[in-house]
Amino acid sequence: MTTMGQRVTYPSLSGKSVLITGGASGLGLAFAEAFAANGAHLTLLDINSEGLARVSENLKTANPSIEVGTACG
């Protein structure tokens, strides 16, 4: 359990693959950031191609050990 303001870590997510829809903003972005911070490899989907590209680069910069793939539709 954690107290408010502390980040929970899940080492078991490291190296796992996660698919997130709506990854360019809102809850999808929040989930992407949390999974990336725990070392998960991401595939992000969103209709906002510019936002998705920006998020992908930011996640890769902040978490160089992960892989981030994207798709727009």
Protein backbone atom coordinates (compact mmCIF):
# COMPACT_ATOMS: atom_id res chain seq x y z
CA MET A 1 0.00 0.00 0.00
CA THR A 2 1.17 3.54 -0.64
CA THR A 3 0.29 6.94 0.75
CA MET A 4 -0.87 9.90 -1.28
CA GLY A 5 1.88 11.47 -3.39
CA GLN A 6 3.99 8.33 -3.65
CA ARG A 7 4.26 6.40 -6.90
CA VAL A 8 3.53 2.68 -6.83
CA THR A 9 5.98 0.48 -8.75
CA TYR A 10 5.30 -2.93 -10.21
CA PRO A 11 8.59 -4.63 -11.20
CA SER A 12 6.61 -7.52 -12.70
CA LEU A 13 5.53 -5.19 -15.57
CA SER A 14 9.11 -4.72 -16.77
CA GLY A 15 9.48 -6.09 -20.29
CA LYS A 16 5.78 -6.93 -20.64
CA SER A 17 3.82 -5.70 -23.67
CA VAL A 18 0.81 -3.41 -23.24
CA LEU A 19 -1.70 -2.16 -25.83
CA ILE A 20 -3.38 1.17 -25.02
CA THR A 21 -6.12 2.85 -27.06
CA GLY A 22 -6.48 6.62 -26.82
CA GLY A 23 -2.82 6.92 -25.82
CA ALA A 24 -2.32 10.51 -26.99
CA SER A 25 -4.32 12.15 -24.20
CA GLY A 26 -6.42 11.74 -21.09
CA LEU A 27 -6.61 8.40 -19.33
CA GLY A 28 -4.85 6.59 -22.16
CA LEU A 29 -1.87 8.91 -21.78
CA ALA A 30 -1.89 8.52 -17.99
CA PHE A 31 -1.89 4.72 -18.34
CA ALA A 32 0.90 4.90 -20.94
CA GLU A 33 3.06 7.02 -18.63
CA ALA A 34 2.46 4.70 -15.67
CA PHE A 35 3.19 1.50 -17.62
CA ALA A 36 6.29 3.06 -19.21
CA ALA A 37 7.59 4.16 -15.80
CA ASN A 38 7.36 0.50 -14.76
CA GLY A 39 9.34 -0.70 -17.79
CA ALA A 40 6.52 -2.07 -19.95
CA HIS A 41 6.81 -1.97 -23.75
CA LEU A 42 3.90 -0.08 -25.29
CA THR A 43 1.76 -0.09 -28.40
CA LEU A 44 -0.32 3.09 -28.49
CA LEU A 45 -3.36 3.67 -30.71
CA ASP A 46 -5.09 7.00 -31.30
CA ILE A 47 -6.78 9.02 -34.03
CA ASN A 48 -4.61 12.05 -33.15
CA SER A 49 -1.43 11.29 -35.13
CA GLU A 50 0.43 14.45 -34.10
CA GLY A 51 -0.35 13.96 -30.41
CA LEU A 52 0.57 10.30 -30.63
CA ALA A 53 3.96 11.09 -32.20
CA ARG A 54 4.67 13.66 -29.48
CA VAL A 55 3.69 11.28 -26.68
CA SER A 56 5.74 8.46 -28.19
CA GLU A 57 8.89 10.59 -28.31
CA ASN A 58 8.34 11.90 -24.78
CA LEU A 59 7.89 8.38 -23.41
CA LYS A 60 11.00 7.10 -25.20
CA THR A 61 13.05 10.03 -23.90
CA ALA A 62 11.86 9.58 -20.31
CA ASN A 63 12.18 5.76 -20.41
CA PRO A 64 15.01 4.81 -22.81
CA SER A 65 14.85 1.09 -22.01
CA ILE A 66 11.30 0.63 -23.34
CA GLU A 67 9.95 0.19 -26.85
CA VAL A 68 7.00 2.27 -28.05
CA GLY A 69 5.05 1.44 -31.19
CA THR A 70 2.19 3.55 -32.54
CA ALA A 71 -0.72 3.28 -34.96
CA CYS A 72 -3.29 5.85 -36.06
CA GLY A 73 -6.74 5.15 -37.34
